[in-house]
Amino acid sequence: MFQMRHITPLLFFAILLATTLAQADDATSIIQSVLNVDRALEEEIKSDLAEARDKKGQLKNQISDYVKNTAQQLKDALSGKLDKLREIEEAYKAQEYTDKKQAMEEWKNLVHGINQTKAAWEVAKETKIQEEKQVKTYELLKWCFVRNVSG
C-alpha cells in the first residue's frame, strides 16, 4: 500500500537532493542523504506492515467472535425450537392417550349398555314365558275343574 505519507519522504529527498547538489558536489553527502531517506522509507513501510498485521489480527478475531456468537445464537434458537417441538409432541401424545382412553370408556359403556339391554330383554322374555305358562296352567286347571264339576 503506497500511501500519501510515503510521498512526503520522497519530496523531502528531492528537496534535499536539490539543496545538496546546489551546496556541494560532494558525492558522499548525496549518498548519505539517499541512504537516510531510504532508511526512513523502510521504517515507515515496516510500521505500515506491522499496523496492517495488527488490523488483520483484529479483524480475524472480530470475525471469529462474530461467527462463534452467530453459531451459538443459531444453536440456542434451534434448541428452543427443538424443545418446543418436544413439548408439542408430548402434548399430542397425552391428548392421543386421553382420546384413546375416552374412546375405550365409551366402547365399554356401549358394550355394558348392550349387555344390560340384552339381559333385560331376556328377563322380560322369561317373565312373559312364565306368565304365558301361568295363564295356560290356569286355563288347564279351570278346564279340568269345569269338567270335574260338570261331569
Protein backbone atom coordinates (compact mmCIF):
# COMPACT_ATOMS: atom_id res chain seq x y z
CA MET A 1 0.00 0.00 0.00
CA PHE A 2 1.71 3.07 -1.22
CA GLN A 3 0.14 5.90 0.74
CA MET A 4 0.37 9.64 0.68
CA ARG A 5 2.70 9.64 3.64
CA HIS A 6 5.28 7.79 1.53
CA ILE A 7 5.36 10.73 -0.84
CA THR A 8 6.47 13.11 1.91
CA PRO A 9 9.86 11.46 2.35
CA LEU A 10 10.31 11.38 -1.43
CA LEU A 11 9.61 15.10 -1.67
CA PHE A 12 11.95 15.66 1.22
CA PHE A 13 14.54 13.59 -0.60
CA ALA A 14 14.07 15.58 -3.80
CA ILE A 15 14.38 18.90 -1.98
CA LEU A 16 17.33 17.63 -0.01
CA LEU A 17 18.96 16.33 -3.16
CA ALA A 18 18.47 19.63 -4.96
CA THR A 19 19.75 21.55 -1.95
CA THR A 20 22.66 19.22 -1.52
CA LEU A 21 23.61 19.40 -5.20
CA ALA A 22 23.40 23.16 -5.09
CA GLN A 23 25.54 23.46 -1.97
CA ALA A 24 28.22 20.93 -2.72
CA ASP A 25 29.31 18.39 -5.23
CA ASP A 26 30.27 16.02 -2.53
CA ALA A 27 29.02 12.55 -3.64
CA THR A 28 29.34 11.18 -0.16
CA SER A 29 26.84 13.58 1.29
CA ILE A 30 24.39 12.83 -1.57
CA ILE A 31 24.71 9.08 -0.98
CA GLN A 32 24.30 9.62 2.74
CA SER A 33 21.14 11.64 2.12
CA VAL A 34 19.76 8.92 -0.16
CA LEU A 35 20.51 6.28 2.46
CA ASN A 36 18.82 8.35 5.16
CA VAL A 37 15.69 8.74 3.04
CA ASP A 38 15.80 5.03 2.18
CA ARG A 39 16.02 4.10 5.88
CA ALA A 40 13.13 6.43 6.72
CA LEU A 41 11.02 4.84 3.98
CA GLU A 42 11.97 1.36 5.16
CA GLU A 43 10.95 2.18 8.75
CA GLU A 44 7.67 3.68 7.60
CA ILE A 45 6.92 0.62 5.44
CA LYS A 46 7.77 -1.69 8.35
CA SER A 47 5.46 0.34 10.56
CA ASP A 48 2.68 0.12 7.94
CA LEU A 49 3.17 -3.65 7.64
CA ALA A 50 3.04 -4.10 11.43
CA GLU A 51 -0.10 -1.96 11.59
CA ALA A 52 -1.67 -3.99 8.76
CA ARG A 53 -0.80 -7.25 10.57
CA ASP A 54 -2.38 -5.91 13.76
CA LYS A 55 -5.52 -4.85 11.90
CA LYS A 56 -5.64 -8.23 10.17
CA GLY A 57 -5.41 -9.98 13.54
CA GLN A 58 -8.11 -7.74 15.00
CA LEU A 59 -10.40 -8.37 12.03
CA LYS A 60 -9.71 -12.09 12.24
CA ASN A 61 -10.62 -12.09 15.94
CA GLN A 62 -13.74 -9.98 15.33
CA ILE A 63 -14.90 -12.28 12.53
CA SER A 64 -14.15 -15.35 14.66
CA ASP A 65 -16.10 -13.90 17.59
CA TYR A 66 -18.98 -12.94 15.29
CA VAL A 67 -19.11 -16.42 13.77
CA LYS A 68 -19.00 -18.03 17.23
CA ASN A 69 -21.74 -15.74 18.53
CA THR A 70 -23.89 -16.32 15.47
CA ALA A 71 -23.39 -20.08 15.70
CA GLN A 72 -24.30 -20.00 19.40
CA GLN A 73 -27.40 -17.91 18.69
CA LEU A 74 -28.47 -20.36 15.99
CA LYS A 75 -27.79 -23.27 18.31
CA ASP A 76 -29.83 -21.64 21.08
CA ALA A 77 -32.68 -20.82 18.69
CA LEU A 78 -32.72 -24.34 17.26
CA SER A 79 -32.52 -25.81 20.74
CA GLY A 80 -35.50 -23.70 21.75
CA LYS A 81 -37.42 -24.82 18.68
CA LEU A 82 -36.50 -28.44 19.40
CA ASP A 83 -37.69 -28.09 23.00
CA LYS A 84 -40.94 -26.55 21.76
CA LEU A 85 -41.41 -29.43 19.29
CA ARG A 86 -40.82 -31.93 22.10
CA GLU A 87 -43.42 -30.16 24.22
CA ILE A 88 -45.89 -30.26 21.33
CA GLU A 89 -45.13 -33.94 20.76
CA GLU A 90 -45.67 -34.73 24.45
CA ALA A 91 -48.93 -32.75 24.48
CA TYR A 92 -50.04 -34.58 21.34
CA LYS A 93 -49.20 -37.95 22.88
CA ALA A 94 -51.03 -37.03 26.08
CA GLN A 95 -54.07 -35.90 24.08
CA GLU A 96 -53.92 -39.04 21.95
CA TYR A 97 -53.77 -41.19 25.11
CA THR A 98 -56.70 -39.29 26.60
CA ASP A 99 -58.70 -39.66 23.38
CA LYS A 100 -57.98 -43.40 23.22
CA LYS A 101 -58.86 -43.82 26.89
CA GLN A 102 -62.11 -41.91 26.39
CA ALA A 103 -62.96 -43.97 23.28
CA MET A 104 -62.29 -47.16 25.24
CA GLU A 105 -64.53 -45.98 28.09
CA GLU A 106 -67.29 -45.11 25.59
CA TRP A 107 -66.88 -48.54 23.98
CA LYS A 108 -67.06 -50.26 27.38
CA ASN A 109 -70.17 -48.24 28.26
CA LEU A 110 -71.76 -49.16 24.92
CA VAL A 111 -70.99 -52.87 25.40
CA HIS A 112 -72.24 -52.66 29.01
CA GLY A 113 -75.43 -50.96 27.80
CA ILE A 114 -75.92 -53.63 25.13
CA ASN A 115 -75.37 -56.38 27.72
CA GLN A 116 -77.81 -54.73 30.13
CA THR A 117 -80.39 -54.35 27.37
CA LYS A 118 -79.89 -57.98 26.35
CA ALA A 119 -80.20 -59.14 29.98
CA ALA A 120 -83.32 -57.02 30.50
CA TRP A 121 -84.79 -58.35 27.26
CA GLU A 122 -84.05 -61.95 28.36
CA VAL A 123 -85.64 -61.28 31.78
CA ALA A 124 -88.67 -59.75 30.07
CA LYS A 125 -88.85 -62.72 27.69
CA GLU A 126 -88.58 -65.19 30.58
CA THR A 127 -91.22 -63.26 32.50
CA LYS A 128 -93.54 -63.34 29.50
CA ILE A 129 -92.97 -67.09 29.08
CA GLN A 130 -93.69 -67.63 32.79
CA GLU A 131 -96.83 -65.51 32.53
CA GLU A 132 -97.95 -67.49 29.47
CA LYS A 133 -97.28 -70.76 31.35
CA GLN A 134 -99.28 -69.50 34.33
CA VAL A 135 -102.14 -68.47 32.04
CA LYS A 136 -102.11 -71.87 30.30
CA THR A 137 -101.86 -73.67 33.65
CA TYR A 138 -104.74 -71.60 34.98
CA GLU A 139 -106.82 -72.34 31.88
CA LEU A 140 -105.96 -76.04 32.09
CA LEU A 141 -106.88 -76.15 35.76
CA LYS A 142 -110.06 -74.23 35.03
CA TRP A 143 -110.94 -76.62 32.24
CA CYS A 144 -110.20 -79.61 34.48
CA PHE A 145 -112.26 -78.12 37.30
CA VAL A 146 -115.16 -77.34 35.00
CA ARG A 147 -115.03 -80.87 33.61
CA ASN A 148 -114.90 -82.44 37.06
CA VAL A 149 -117.73 -80.31 38.33
CA SER A 150 -119.93 -80.93 35.32
CA GLY A 151 -119.10 -84.42 34.94
